[in-house]
Amino acid sequence: MESYIVRLYRRDATNPDNLVGLIETVGLDKTRPFHTVNELVAILSEPHAFEKTVPQPVLRVIHAGKKNPR
């Protein structure tokens, strides 16, 4: 489950669908702006692929006493 920080900077009292803010996915240090409630919901509805911070190790198979096949 993802966690988010939502910052609202402005909201139009006469039209509540108009807001301005940023949403940040915790742990990714990435922020995205939104300007309407629909944009906020769309960002929250997207599937997120977490970026790997540690690369996977490369495994090498070494055959003792054998030359590299061609």
N, C-alpha and C. Protein backbone atom coordinates (compact mmCIF):
# COMPACT_ATOMS: atom_id res chain seq x y z
N MET A 1 0.85 -1.16 0.00
CA MET A 1 0.00 0.00 0.00
C MET A 1 0.90 1.23 0.00
N GLU A 2 0.59 2.19 -0.88
CA GLU A 2 1.36 3.42 -0.96
C GLU A 2 0.88 4.42 0.08
N SER A 3 1.78 5.29 0.48
CA SER A 3 1.44 6.39 1.38
C SER A 3 1.73 7.69 0.66
N TYR A 4 0.89 8.69 0.90
CA TYR A 4 1.02 9.96 0.20
C TYR A 4 0.98 11.12 1.18
N ILE A 5 1.63 12.21 0.78
CA ILE A 5 1.50 13.49 1.45
C ILE A 5 0.81 14.41 0.46
N VAL A 6 -0.34 14.97 0.85
CA VAL A 6 -1.11 15.86 -0.03
C VAL A 6 -1.06 17.26 0.57
N ARG A 7 -0.59 18.21 -0.24
CA ARG A 7 -0.52 19.60 0.19
C ARG A 7 -1.50 20.42 -0.63
N LEU A 8 -2.46 21.05 0.03
CA LEU A 8 -3.41 21.93 -0.64
C LEU A 8 -2.96 23.37 -0.42
N TYR A 9 -2.80 24.11 -1.52
CA TYR A 9 -2.35 25.49 -1.41
C TYR A 9 -3.48 26.50 -1.61
N ARG A 10 -4.40 26.17 -2.52
CA ARG A 10 -5.52 27.08 -2.77
C ARG A 10 -6.76 26.26 -3.06
N ARG A 11 -7.90 26.81 -2.65
CA ARG A 11 -9.18 26.19 -2.95
C ARG A 11 -10.18 27.31 -3.22
N ASP A 12 -10.91 27.16 -4.29
CA ASP A 12 -11.91 28.17 -4.67
C ASP A 12 -13.20 27.87 -3.92
N ALA A 13 -13.62 28.79 -3.05
CA ALA A 13 -14.81 28.58 -2.23
C ALA A 13 -16.08 28.51 -3.08
N THR A 14 -16.10 29.22 -4.22
CA THR A 14 -17.30 29.21 -5.07
C THR A 14 -17.36 28.00 -5.98
N ASN A 15 -16.19 27.39 -6.24
CA ASN A 15 -16.13 26.20 -7.08
C ASN A 15 -15.18 25.20 -6.41
N PRO A 16 -15.69 24.34 -5.54
CA PRO A 16 -14.83 23.45 -4.75
C PRO A 16 -13.99 22.47 -5.57
N ASP A 17 -14.37 22.23 -6.84
CA ASP A 17 -13.56 21.32 -7.66
C ASP A 17 -12.23 21.94 -8.07
N ASN A 18 -12.10 23.25 -7.97
CA ASN A 18 -10.85 23.92 -8.32
C ASN A 18 -9.97 24.04 -7.09
N LEU A 19 -8.88 23.29 -7.09
CA LEU A 19 -7.89 23.40 -6.04
C LEU A 19 -6.52 23.34 -6.66
N VAL A 20 -5.54 23.77 -5.92
CA VAL A 20 -4.16 23.71 -6.38
C VAL A 20 -3.36 23.07 -5.26
N GLY A 21 -2.54 22.09 -5.63
CA GLY A 21 -1.73 21.43 -4.62
C GLY A 21 -0.70 20.51 -5.21
N LEU A 22 -0.01 19.83 -4.34
CA LEU A 22 1.01 18.85 -4.70
C LEU A 22 0.72 17.55 -3.97
N ILE A 23 1.05 16.45 -4.62
CA ILE A 23 0.95 15.14 -3.96
C ILE A 23 2.32 14.48 -4.08
N GLU A 24 2.77 13.91 -2.98
CA GLU A 24 4.08 13.26 -2.92
C GLU A 24 3.89 11.82 -2.49
N THR A 25 4.51 10.90 -3.22
CA THR A 25 4.51 9.50 -2.82
C THR A 25 5.64 9.31 -1.83
N VAL A 26 5.32 8.88 -0.62
CA VAL A 26 6.31 8.72 0.43
C VAL A 26 7.34 7.67 0.00
N GLY A 27 8.60 7.99 0.16
CA GLY A 27 9.68 7.07 -0.17
C GLY A 27 10.22 7.24 -1.56
N LEU A 28 9.55 7.99 -2.42
CA LEU A 28 10.03 8.17 -3.79
C LEU A 28 10.60 9.57 -4.05
N ASP A 29 10.39 10.50 -3.12
CA ASP A 29 10.86 11.88 -3.29
C ASP A 29 10.44 12.46 -4.63
N LYS A 30 9.21 12.19 -5.01
CA LYS A 30 8.67 12.68 -6.28
C LYS A 30 7.35 13.36 -5.99
N THR A 31 7.19 14.62 -6.46
CA THR A 31 5.93 15.33 -6.26
C THR A 31 5.28 15.59 -7.61
N ARG A 32 3.96 15.64 -7.58
CA ARG A 32 3.19 15.94 -8.79
C ARG A 32 2.14 16.99 -8.45
N PRO A 33 1.98 17.97 -9.33
CA PRO A 33 0.96 18.99 -9.08
C PRO A 33 -0.42 18.51 -9.52
N PHE A 34 -1.46 19.08 -8.92
CA PHE A 34 -2.83 18.86 -9.38
C PHE A 34 -3.59 20.16 -9.26
N HIS A 35 -4.62 20.31 -10.10
CA HIS A 35 -5.37 21.56 -10.15
C HIS A 35 -6.88 21.36 -9.98
N THR A 36 -7.32 20.13 -9.97
CA THR A 36 -8.73 19.82 -9.77
C THR A 36 -8.84 18.56 -8.92
N VAL A 37 -10.03 18.34 -8.40
CA VAL A 37 -10.28 17.11 -7.65
C VAL A 37 -10.10 15.89 -8.56
N ASN A 38 -10.52 16.01 -9.81
CA ASN A 38 -10.39 14.89 -10.75
C ASN A 38 -8.92 14.54 -11.00
N GLU A 39 -8.04 15.55 -11.11
CA GLU A 39 -6.62 15.26 -11.28
C GLU A 39 -6.05 14.56 -10.05
N LEU A 40 -6.46 15.00 -8.86
CA LEU A 40 -6.00 14.35 -7.63
C LEU A 40 -6.43 12.89 -7.59
N VAL A 41 -7.67 12.62 -7.91
CA VAL A 41 -8.17 11.24 -7.92
C VAL A 41 -7.45 10.41 -8.97
N ALA A 42 -7.18 10.99 -10.13
CA ALA A 42 -6.47 10.26 -11.19
C ALA A 42 -5.06 9.88 -10.74
N ILE A 43 -4.37 10.79 -10.07
CA ILE A 43 -3.02 10.48 -9.58
C ILE A 43 -3.08 9.37 -8.54
N LEU A 44 -4.04 9.44 -7.64
CA LEU A 44 -4.16 8.42 -6.60
C LEU A 44 -4.58 7.07 -7.16
N SER A 45 -5.24 7.06 -8.31
CA SER A 45 -5.72 5.82 -8.92
C SER A 45 -4.68 5.12 -9.77
N GLU A 46 -3.59 5.80 -10.11
CA GLU A 46 -2.56 5.20 -10.96
C GLU A 46 -1.82 4.10 -10.22
N PRO A 47 -1.51 3.01 -10.92
CA PRO A 47 -0.64 2.00 -10.30
C PRO A 47 0.78 2.54 -10.25
N HIS A 48 1.45 2.37 -9.14
CA HIS A 48 2.81 2.88 -8.98
C HIS A 48 3.79 1.73 -8.95
N ALA A 49 4.86 1.87 -9.71
CA ALA A 49 5.95 0.91 -9.66
C ALA A 49 7.05 1.54 -8.82
N PHE A 50 7.37 0.92 -7.71
CA PHE A 50 8.40 1.47 -6.84
C PHE A 50 9.75 1.33 -7.51
N GLU A 51 10.52 2.41 -7.47
CA GLU A 51 11.86 2.38 -8.03
C GLU A 51 12.76 1.61 -7.08
N LYS A 52 13.58 0.76 -7.65
CA LYS A 52 14.49 -0.01 -6.82
C LYS A 52 15.70 0.87 -6.50
N THR A 53 16.03 0.98 -5.25
CA THR A 53 17.18 1.78 -4.87
C THR A 53 18.44 0.94 -4.80
N VAL A 54 18.30 -0.36 -4.64
CA VAL A 54 19.45 -1.26 -4.60
C VAL A 54 19.38 -2.16 -5.82
N PRO A 55 20.39 -2.11 -6.69
CA PRO A 55 20.34 -2.97 -7.87
C PRO A 55 20.46 -4.44 -7.50
N GLN A 56 19.86 -5.27 -8.33
CA GLN A 56 19.95 -6.71 -8.13
C GLN A 56 21.37 -7.17 -8.44
N PRO A 57 21.93 -8.07 -7.65
CA PRO A 57 23.29 -8.54 -7.94
C PRO A 57 23.31 -9.39 -9.20
N VAL A 58 24.41 -9.28 -9.90
CA VAL A 58 24.60 -10.09 -11.11
C VAL A 58 25.31 -11.35 -10.70
N LEU A 59 24.69 -12.48 -11.00
CA LEU A 59 25.29 -13.77 -10.66
C LEU A 59 26.02 -14.32 -11.87
N ARG A 60 27.23 -14.77 -11.64
CA ARG A 60 28.02 -15.36 -12.72
C ARG A 60 28.34 -16.80 -12.34
N VAL A 61 28.11 -17.68 -13.28
CA VAL A 61 28.41 -19.08 -13.05
C VAL A 61 29.81 -19.34 -13.56
N ILE A 62 30.67 -19.85 -12.70
CA ILE A 62 32.05 -20.14 -13.07
C ILE A 62 32.22 -21.65 -13.01
N HIS A 63 32.60 -22.20 -14.14
CA HIS A 63 32.85 -23.64 -14.21
C HIS A 63 34.36 -23.86 -14.07
N ALA A 64 34.74 -24.51 -13.02
CA ALA A 64 36.16 -24.74 -12.76
C ALA A 64 36.74 -25.70 -13.79
N GLY A 65 37.85 -25.30 -14.36
CA GLY A 65 38.57 -26.18 -15.30
C GLY A 65 38.01 -26.18 -16.69
N LYS A 66 37.01 -25.39 -17.03
CA LYS A 66 36.44 -25.37 -18.36
C LYS A 66 36.75 -24.03 -19.03
N LYS A 67 37.04 -24.09 -20.32
CA LYS A 67 37.28 -22.88 -21.09
C LYS A 67 35.92 -22.33 -21.55
N ASN A 68 35.91 -21.06 -21.91
CA ASN A 68 34.67 -20.45 -22.41
C ASN A 68 34.25 -21.11 -23.71
N PRO A 69 33.01 -21.59 -23.81
CA PRO A 69 32.53 -22.19 -25.07
C PRO A 69 32.30 -21.10 -26.12
N ARG A 70 32.52 -21.50 -27.37
CA ARG A 70 32.30 -20.55 -28.47
C ARG A 70 31.13 -20.97 -29.28
